[in-house]
């Protein structure tokens, strides 16, 4: 009897093992087939499917490439022994510079002169090692933010000294740095563009009231736009997700360090994770294809978030990407507020006072808020006339690989004009 029970137990265990192997094999086969199907769809649409596909298709001629100039500018920037808190107050609202900031600025003139030269070029290729995948280094992004902070400080100082034309040129250079990143198919690059745009717009908020013509000053600044930023950034996100279904890529991850714990290859080999990675990639492709005004894309992003529920660890990847829609739309809203503010300032200069309402400003009726699809609002505070969005602000989800989200208390979409005549 005992032997019989032992044999029966072994048979049951064997049956369970065989069943688990069959289920594992079937689920893994389905996940891989789904990944292959998505790869075929993306290739048919001319979209990248592997990290190497993210490389620029056409090389940039050396004489037209702004990247070496930006890198040389940052080398000069680093040679200046400045305290870590230098120019920190530039990020405040309203931005300001300290006496110590002013003392430091002349030491950066050579570096900023190179940035101005680079900003006049229309091509930029940093020769990124896309094949390194999730471990690819992107030092130029932090360098861009540091150079933009210094430019912002000098622009503000120049405006306060009455050198408005020079201040606008500095702002124009910041927008040029943003355009230099426009073609990088990485969400982190597009997030840095968002930061550069925000820095430039904050300075413009202080500069435009000092300009003889706010409208002309805004046009000379050659403001960048976040149009296309979402689709460009999601190219890299989709490739990153597909890499989690690729055995060759996973094997390379196993041999490397620096991969976040939640992306350990041992977990990623599980069929469920592979299936979820493909599901996430499909949802992001749908978000990439969303059309219409920003408010319509925001609505689609909310629908995609709902569909992503239940995808486990990878659900946060979706919500972090969809959260960037409102983040980018916020910058577009600030751009339109800049145009609206310029109309208000120029009308005050022509008539001696601000108009009483947005509707009373010629050309303002067509400036709808990208965040809501509706009009902007106006309120008066002590010392200020404030043009603002009616958008309440998003819930911010952190990206699993990035940390560039605005905290909710800093979600401000407004433009402050000095009150009075």
Protein backbone atom coordinates (compact mmCIF):
# COMPACT_ATOMS: atom_id res chain seq x y z
CA UNK A 1 0.00 0.00 0.00
CA UNK A 2 2.83 2.38 0.92
CA UNK A 3 4.61 1.83 -2.38
CA UNK A 4 1.37 2.35 -4.22
CA UNK A 5 0.82 5.68 -2.47
CA UNK A 6 4.37 6.74 -3.24
CA UNK A 7 3.92 5.89 -6.92
CA UNK A 8 0.59 7.74 -6.96
CA UNK A 9 2.19 10.78 -5.35
CA UNK A 10 5.02 10.77 -7.88
CA UNK A 11 2.50 10.48 -10.71
CA UNK A 12 0.51 13.44 -9.37
CA UNK A 13 3.66 15.55 -9.01
CA UNK A 14 4.75 14.60 -12.53
CA UNK A 15 1.32 15.51 -13.89
CA UNK A 16 1.44 18.88 -12.15
CA UNK A 17 4.95 19.54 -13.49
CA UNK A 18 3.93 18.56 -17.03
CA UNK A 19 0.82 20.76 -16.79
CA UNK A 20 2.90 23.71 -15.58
CA UNK A 21 5.40 23.21 -18.39
CA UNK A 22 2.62 23.04 -20.98
CA UNK A 23 0.90 26.15 -19.60
CA UNK A 24 4.25 27.97 -19.44
CA UNK A 25 5.07 26.97 -23.02
CA UNK A 26 1.66 27.99 -24.36
CA UNK A 27 1.66 31.33 -22.56
CA UNK A 28 5.23 32.05 -23.63
CA UNK A 29 4.44 31.13 -27.24
CA UNK A 30 1.41 33.40 -27.23
CA UNK A 31 3.39 36.29 -25.74
CA UNK A 32 6.15 35.90 -28.31
CA UNK A 33 3.66 35.65 -31.19
CA UNK A 34 1.97 38.81 -29.99
CA UNK A 35 5.34 40.56 -29.84
CA UNK A 36 6.23 39.37 -33.35
CA UNK A 37 2.87 40.62 -34.62
CA UNK A 38 3.43 44.06 -33.09
CA UNK A 39 6.96 44.24 -34.47
CA UNK A 40 5.59 43.48 -37.95
CA UNK A 41 2.94 46.20 -37.58
CA UNK A 42 5.50 48.76 -36.46
CA UNK A 43 7.92 47.92 -39.24
CA UNK A 44 5.14 48.17 -41.81
CA UNK A 45 4.41 51.66 -40.46
CA UNK A 46 8.09 52.63 -40.71
CA UNK A 47 8.53 52.82 -36.93
CA UNK A 48 11.57 51.57 -34.96
CA UNK A 49 11.45 48.19 -33.24
CA UNK A 50 15.03 47.83 -31.96
CA UNK A 51 17.35 50.28 -30.26
CA UNK A 52 19.58 50.50 -33.32
CA UNK A 53 16.60 51.68 -35.37
CA UNK A 54 16.48 54.85 -33.24
CA UNK A 55 19.64 56.19 -34.83
CA UNK A 56 19.24 59.11 -37.28
CA UNK A 57 18.93 57.81 -40.82
CA UNK A 58 20.89 60.67 -42.37
CA UNK A 59 24.26 61.72 -40.93
CA UNK A 60 24.65 65.39 -40.07
CA UNK A 61 27.55 67.13 -41.87
CA UNK A 62 30.16 68.23 -39.31
CA UNK A 63 29.87 71.89 -40.28
CA UNK A 64 26.10 71.80 -39.65
CA UNK A 65 26.19 69.85 -36.37
CA UNK A 66 25.55 71.95 -33.27
CA UNK A 67 26.44 69.14 -30.83
CA UNK A 68 30.23 69.76 -30.71
CA UNK A 69 29.62 73.44 -30.00
CA UNK A 70 27.24 72.62 -27.13
CA UNK A 71 29.77 70.15 -25.72
CA UNK A 72 32.57 72.71 -25.97
CA UNK A 73 30.32 75.28 -24.29
CA UNK A 74 29.68 72.94 -21.39
CA UNK A 75 33.40 72.22 -21.01
CA UNK A 76 33.93 75.99 -20.56
CA UNK A 77 30.96 76.07 -18.21
CA UNK A 78 32.51 73.39 -16.00
CA UNK A 79 35.80 75.30 -15.86
CA UNK A 80 34.10 78.04 -13.83
CA UNK A 81 34.31 77.32 -10.12
CA UNK A 82 30.76 78.27 -9.14
CA UNK A 83 28.88 77.28 -5.97
CA UNK A 84 26.24 74.58 -6.34
CA UNK A 85 23.39 76.99 -5.55
CA UNK A 86 24.34 79.41 -8.35
CA UNK A 87 21.31 80.56 -10.41
CA UNK A 88 18.91 78.43 -8.36
CA UNK A 89 16.53 81.38 -7.95
CA UNK A 90 15.98 81.45 -11.72
CA UNK A 91 13.46 78.61 -11.29
CA UNK A 92 11.31 80.63 -8.87
CA UNK A 93 8.12 82.43 -9.83
CA UNK A 94 8.84 85.15 -10.68
CA UNK A 95 12.46 84.30 -11.54
CA UNK A 96 15.16 86.41 -9.92
CA UNK A 97 18.93 86.63 -9.71
CA UNK A 98 21.06 87.42 -6.71
CA UNK A 99 24.02 89.77 -6.42
CA UNK A 100 26.27 86.71 -6.33
CA UNK A 101 24.69 85.44 -9.58
CA UNK A 102 25.47 88.76 -11.24
CA UNK A 103 29.07 88.56 -10.07
CA UNK A 104 29.45 85.10 -11.61
CA UNK A 105 27.87 85.82 -15.01
CA UNK A 106 30.89 87.40 -16.83
CA UNK A 107 32.89 84.20 -16.27
CA UNK A 108 30.41 82.34 -18.49
CA UNK A 109 30.52 84.72 -21.46
CA UNK A 110 32.76 82.50 -23.60
CA UNK A 111 30.62 79.43 -22.93
CA UNK A 112 27.40 81.27 -23.72
CA UNK A 113 28.87 82.71 -26.91
CA UNK A 114 29.33 79.12 -28.14
CA UNK A 115 25.73 78.32 -27.20
CA UNK A 116 24.58 81.27 -29.32
CA UNK A 117 26.61 79.95 -32.27
CA UNK A 118 25.20 76.45 -31.83
CA UNK A 119 21.62 77.72 -31.58
CA UNK A 120 21.90 79.21 -35.07
CA UNK A 121 22.52 75.76 -36.55
CA UNK A 122 19.47 73.69 -37.47
CA UNK A 123 20.94 70.21 -37.00
CA UNK A 124 22.27 68.46 -33.90
CA UNK A 125 23.50 64.89 -33.43
CA UNK A 126 25.18 63.83 -30.19
CA UNK A 127 26.14 60.42 -31.61
CA UNK A 128 24.23 58.55 -28.92
CA UNK A 129 24.89 54.83 -28.42
CA UNK A 130 21.30 53.71 -28.90
CA UNK A 131 22.35 50.06 -28.96
CA UNK A 132 23.10 50.32 -25.23
CA UNK A 133 19.35 50.38 -24.64
CA UNK A 134 18.17 51.13 -21.12
CA UNK A 135 21.75 51.73 -19.99
CA UNK A 136 22.52 54.35 -22.68
CA UNK A 137 24.20 57.47 -21.32
CA UNK A 138 22.74 60.88 -22.11
CA UNK A 139 25.01 63.43 -20.36
CA UNK A 140 24.11 66.16 -22.84
CA UNK A 141 20.64 66.49 -21.30
CA UNK A 142 21.87 67.69 -17.91
CA UNK A 143 24.41 69.85 -19.70
CA UNK A 144 21.61 71.54 -21.64
CA UNK A 145 19.68 72.29 -18.44
CA UNK A 146 22.78 73.78 -16.80
CA UNK A 147 23.57 76.00 -19.79
CA UNK A 148 19.93 77.08 -20.00
CA UNK A 149 19.95 78.13 -16.33
CA UNK A 150 22.98 80.33 -16.95
CA UNK A 151 21.44 81.83 -20.07
CA UNK A 152 18.24 82.51 -18.14
CA UNK A 153 20.16 84.33 -15.42
CA UNK A 154 22.02 86.48 -17.92
CA UNK A 155 18.86 87.27 -19.87
CA UNK A 156 17.15 88.44 -16.70
CA UNK A 157 20.16 90.53 -15.68
CA UNK A 158 20.32 92.10 -19.12
CA UNK A 159 16.62 92.93 -19.07
CA UNK A 160 16.93 94.55 -15.64
CA UNK A 161 19.84 96.62 -16.98
CA UNK A 162 17.74 97.83 -19.92
CA UNK A 163 19.45 95.57 -22.49
CA UNK A 164 16.20 94.04 -23.69
CA UNK A 165 17.46 93.13 -27.18
CA UNK A 166 20.37 91.17 -25.71
CA UNK A 167 18.04 89.48 -23.23
CA UNK A 168 15.79 88.31 -26.08
CA UNK A 169 18.84 86.87 -27.86
CA UNK A 170 19.64 84.80 -24.77
CA UNK A 171 16.05 83.53 -24.66
CA UNK A 172 16.27 82.72 -28.34
CA UNK A 173 19.38 80.62 -27.62
CA UNK A 174 17.49 78.62 -24.98
CA UNK A 175 14.73 77.86 -27.48
CA UNK A 176 17.47 76.88 -29.95
CA UNK A 177 18.80 74.33 -27.43
CA UNK A 178 15.30 72.91 -27.18
CA UNK A 179 15.01 72.57 -30.96
CA UNK A 180 18.37 70.75 -30.98
CA UNK A 181 16.72 67.92 -29.01
CA UNK A 182 13.54 67.83 -31.09
CA UNK A 183 14.63 64.83 -33.16
CA UNK A 184 15.83 62.62 -30.29
CA UNK A 185 13.42 59.64 -30.00
CA UNK A 186 13.68 59.49 -26.21
CA UNK A 187 11.01 60.58 -23.79
CA UNK A 188 13.66 61.90 -21.41
CA UNK A 189 14.98 64.18 -24.18
CA UNK A 190 11.49 65.55 -24.79
CA UNK A 191 11.09 66.13 -21.04
CA UNK A 192 14.29 68.17 -21.05
CA UNK A 193 12.88 70.18 -23.96
CA UNK A 194 9.89 70.86 -21.74
CA UNK A 195 12.22 72.19 -19.02
CA UNK A 196 14.11 74.38 -21.47
CA UNK A 197 10.88 75.83 -22.82
CA UNK A 198 9.66 76.52 -19.31
CA UNK A 199 12.90 78.30 -18.39
CA UNK A 200 12.70 80.49 -21.49
CA UNK A 201 9.04 81.31 -20.93
CA UNK A 202 9.61 82.26 -17.28
CA UNK A 203 12.29 84.72 -18.37
CA UNK A 204 10.07 86.08 -21.13
CA UNK A 205 7.41 86.77 -18.51
CA UNK A 206 9.88 89.21 -16.94
CA UNK A 207 11.33 90.56 -20.20
CA UNK A 208 8.26 91.26 -22.36
CA UNK A 209 6.91 94.12 -20.18
CA UNK A 210 10.25 95.93 -20.72
CA UNK A 211 10.25 95.55 -24.52
CA UNK A 212 9.17 98.46 -26.76
CA UNK A 213 6.91 95.98 -28.57
CA UNK A 214 6.10 92.75 -26.75
CA UNK A 215 4.80 91.17 -29.95
CA UNK A 216 8.02 91.91 -31.85
CA UNK A 217 10.15 90.67 -28.95
CA UNK A 218 8.20 87.41 -28.80
CA UNK A 219 8.66 86.85 -32.53
CA UNK A 220 12.42 87.51 -32.30
CA UNK A 221 12.69 84.94 -29.52
CA UNK A 222 11.64 82.24 -32.02
CA UNK A 223 9.82 80.20 -29.40
CA UNK A 224 9.95 76.43 -29.72
CA UNK A 225 6.85 74.24 -29.61
CA UNK A 226 6.11 70.85 -28.07
CA UNK A 227 4.14 69.74 -31.13
CA UNK A 228 5.32 66.23 -32.04
CA UNK A 229 7.24 65.79 -28.77
CA UNK A 230 4.95 63.06 -27.48
CA UNK A 231 5.12 60.94 -30.64
CA UNK A 232 8.89 61.36 -30.84
CA UNK A 233 9.45 60.41 -27.20
CA UNK A 234 7.16 57.39 -27.38
CA UNK A 235 9.25 55.88 -30.17
CA UNK A 236 11.97 55.11 -27.65
CA UNK A 237 9.47 53.99 -25.01
CA UNK A 238 7.91 51.41 -27.34
CA UNK A 239 11.33 50.08 -28.33
CA UNK A 240 12.26 49.80 -24.65
CA UNK A 241 9.12 47.78 -23.95
CA UNK A 242 9.74 45.50 -26.92
CA UNK A 243 13.28 44.91 -25.65
CA UNK A 244 11.73 43.21 -22.61
CA UNK A 245 10.41 40.48 -24.92
CA UNK A 246 13.72 39.93 -26.74
CA UNK A 247 15.83 37.07 -25.41
CA UNK A 248 19.01 38.49 -26.92
CA UNK A 249 18.48 41.85 -25.26
CA UNK A 250 17.59 40.22 -21.93
CA UNK A 251 20.81 38.20 -22.08
CA UNK A 252 22.77 41.43 -22.49
CA UNK A 253 20.93 42.98 -19.54
CA UNK A 254 21.97 39.99 -17.44
CA UNK A 255 25.61 40.78 -18.17
CA UNK A 256 25.26 44.48 -17.37
CA UNK A 257 24.82 46.48 -14.21
CA UNK A 258 22.65 49.49 -13.55
CA UNK A 259 19.34 47.97 -14.67
CA UNK A 260 16.68 48.92 -12.09
CA UNK A 261 15.60 46.08 -9.74
CA UNK A 262 12.03 46.05 -11.06
CA UNK A 263 13.44 45.17 -14.51
CA UNK A 264 15.54 42.21 -13.39
CA UNK A 265 15.86 39.80 -16.36
CA UNK A 266 14.75 36.85 -14.24
CA UNK A 267 11.30 38.42 -13.89
CA UNK A 268 11.16 39.63 -17.48
CA UNK A 269 11.55 36.10 -18.81
CA UNK A 270 8.17 35.18 -17.31
CA UNK A 271 5.42 34.88 -19.98
CA UNK A 272 3.08 37.15 -18.00
CA UNK A 273 5.59 40.00 -17.96
CA UNK A 274 6.31 39.58 -21.64
CA UNK A 275 2.61 39.65 -22.45
CA UNK A 276 2.14 42.77 -20.34
CA UNK A 277 5.12 44.43 -22.03
CA UNK A 278 3.54 43.85 -25.43
CA UNK A 279 0.17 45.10 -24.18
CA UNK A 280 1.84 48.27 -22.89
CA UNK A 281 3.66 48.80 -26.18
CA UNK A 282 0.37 48.49 -28.08
CA UNK A 283 -1.27 51.07 -25.83
CA UNK A 284 1.62 53.47 -26.26
CA UNK A 285 1.47 53.07 -30.02
CA UNK A 286 -2.19 54.05 -29.81
CA UNK A 287 -1.26 57.10 -27.76
CA UNK A 288 1.41 57.98 -30.30
CA UNK A 289 -1.22 57.89 -33.04
CA UNK A 290 -3.71 60.10 -31.16
CA UNK A 291 -4.70 63.14 -33.21
CA UNK A 292 -6.51 66.39 -32.65
CA UNK A 293 -5.93 69.22 -30.20
CA UNK A 294 -4.12 68.59 -26.94
CA UNK A 295 -7.43 68.42 -25.06
CA UNK A 296 -8.51 65.54 -27.32
CA UNK A 297 -5.19 63.73 -26.81
CA UNK A 298 -5.64 64.20 -23.05
CA UNK A 299 -9.01 62.46 -23.29
CA UNK A 300 -7.46 59.56 -25.21
CA UNK A 301 -4.67 59.33 -22.64
CA UNK A 302 -7.24 58.94 -19.86
CA UNK A 303 -8.96 56.12 -21.78
CA UNK A 304 -5.62 54.36 -22.27
CA UNK A 305 -4.87 54.64 -18.55
CA UNK A 306 -8.14 52.87 -17.77
CA UNK A 307 -7.30 50.07 -20.20
CA UNK A 308 -3.86 49.64 -18.63
CA UNK A 309 -5.27 48.65 -15.25
CA UNK A 310 -4.28 45.14 -14.29
CA UNK A 311 -0.95 45.16 -16.14
CA UNK A 312 0.91 44.90 -12.87
CA UNK A 313 4.30 46.56 -12.60
CA UNK A 314 4.08 47.83 -16.18
CA UNK A 315 0.87 49.77 -15.54
CA UNK A 316 2.98 52.56 -14.03
CA UNK A 317 4.93 52.75 -17.31
CA UNK A 318 1.68 53.60 -19.10
CA UNK A 319 0.49 56.13 -16.56
CA UNK A 320 3.84 57.88 -16.51
CA UNK A 321 3.78 58.25 -20.30
CA UNK A 322 0.17 59.37 -20.44
CA UNK A 323 0.98 61.90 -17.72
CA UNK A 324 3.40 63.59 -20.11
CA UNK A 325 0.48 64.60 -22.35
CA UNK A 326 -0.73 67.15 -19.80
CA UNK A 327 2.87 68.12 -19.07
CA UNK A 328 3.61 68.93 -22.72
CA UNK A 329 0.21 70.55 -23.21
CA UNK A 330 1.02 72.79 -20.24
CA UNK A 331 4.02 74.19 -22.14
CA UNK A 332 1.86 74.76 -25.21
CA UNK A 333 -0.62 76.57 -22.97
CA UNK A 334 2.19 78.78 -21.64
CA UNK A 335 3.24 79.58 -25.21
CA UNK A 336 -0.27 80.76 -26.02
CA UNK A 337 -0.40 82.71 -22.78
CA UNK A 338 2.81 84.44 -23.94
CA UNK A 339 1.07 85.48 -27.15
CA UNK A 340 -1.97 86.65 -25.19
CA UNK A 341 0.26 88.57 -22.76
CA UNK A 342 2.04 90.27 -25.66
CA UNK A 343 -1.34 91.45 -27.00
CA UNK A 344 -2.28 92.82 -23.57
CA UNK A 345 1.06 94.60 -23.15
CA UNK A 346 1.01 96.18 -26.60
CA UNK A 347 -2.59 97.31 -26.17
CA UNK A 348 -1.69 98.91 -22.84
CA UNK A 349 1.22 100.69 -24.51
CA UNK A 350 -1.07 101.95 -27.29
CA UNK A 351 -4.08 102.96 -25.16
CA UNK A 352 -2.57 103.61 -21.73
CA UNK A 353 -4.35 100.78 -19.88
CA UNK A 354 -5.03 97.08 -20.04
CA UNK A 355 -8.30 95.90 -21.59
CA UNK A 356 -10.98 94.88 -19.13
CA UNK A 357 -11.44 91.39 -20.54
CA UNK A 358 -9.80 88.89 -22.86
CA UNK A 359 -12.70 89.28 -25.31
CA UNK A 360 -11.85 92.97 -25.66
CA UNK A 361 -8.37 92.21 -27.08
CA UNK A 362 -8.12 92.11 -30.86
CA UNK A 363 -6.76 88.71 -31.95
CA UNK A 364 -7.24 87.08 -28.54
CA UNK A 365 -10.46 85.24 -29.32
CA UNK A 366 -8.62 82.57 -31.34
CA UNK A 367 -6.11 81.83 -28.57
CA UNK A 368 -7.75 78.83 -26.95
CA UNK A 369 -6.16 76.92 -24.10
CA UNK A 370 -4.65 73.61 -25.35
CA UNK A 371 -5.27 72.03 -21.94
CA UNK A 372 -9.02 72.57 -21.95
CA UNK A 373 -9.96 73.45 -25.51
CA UNK A 374 -11.70 76.52 -24.10
CA UNK A 375 -10.75 80.15 -23.44
CA UNK A 376 -8.22 81.40 -20.93
CA UNK A 377 -9.32 83.30 -17.84
CA UNK A 378 -8.28 86.58 -16.24
CA UNK A 379 -8.04 87.63 -12.62
CA UNK A 380 -6.64 90.65 -10.81
CA UNK A 381 -4.35 90.45 -7.80
CA UNK A 382 -2.60 93.18 -5.87
CA UNK A 383 0.06 94.45 -8.22
CA UNK A 384 -0.69 91.92 -10.98
CA UNK A 385 -3.01 91.11 -13.86
CA UNK A 386 -2.98 87.32 -14.16
CA UNK A 387 -3.86 85.43 -17.35
CA UNK A 388 -4.34 81.76 -16.62
CA UNK A 389 -5.65 78.34 -17.65
CA UNK A 390 -8.75 76.80 -16.08
CA UNK A 391 -7.07 73.37 -16.05
CA UNK A 392 -6.89 72.04 -12.46
CA UNK A 393 -3.63 70.14 -12.96
CA UNK A 394 -2.98 66.41 -13.37
CA UNK A 395 -2.14 63.71 -10.91
CA UNK A 396 1.54 63.17 -11.49
CA UNK A 397 2.84 59.60 -11.96
CA UNK A 398 6.61 59.02 -11.81
CA UNK A 399 8.28 57.37 -14.78
CA UNK A 400 10.04 54.09 -13.88
CA UNK A 401 13.26 55.34 -15.48
CA UNK A 402 12.89 59.13 -15.17
CA UNK A 403 12.47 61.67 -12.41
CA UNK A 404 11.54 64.89 -14.17
CA UNK A 405 7.89 65.30 -13.25
CA UNK A 406 6.62 68.52 -11.72
CA UNK A 407 5.28 68.11 -8.19
CA UNK A 408 1.58 69.09 -7.96
CA UNK A 409 2.29 72.27 -5.98
CA UNK A 410 4.43 73.58 -8.88
CA UNK A 411 1.74 72.99 -11.49
CA UNK A 412 1.12 76.59 -12.50
CA UNK A 413 -0.27 77.64 -15.88
CA UNK A 414 -0.48 81.40 -15.71
CA UNK A 415 1.18 84.57 -16.97
CA UNK A 416 1.56 87.51 -14.62
CA UNK A 417 1.56 91.06 -15.98
CA UNK A 418 2.47 94.08 -13.85
CA UNK A 419 -0.79 95.85 -12.99
CA UNK A 420 -1.53 99.53 -13.41
CA UNK A 421 -1.33 101.78 -16.40
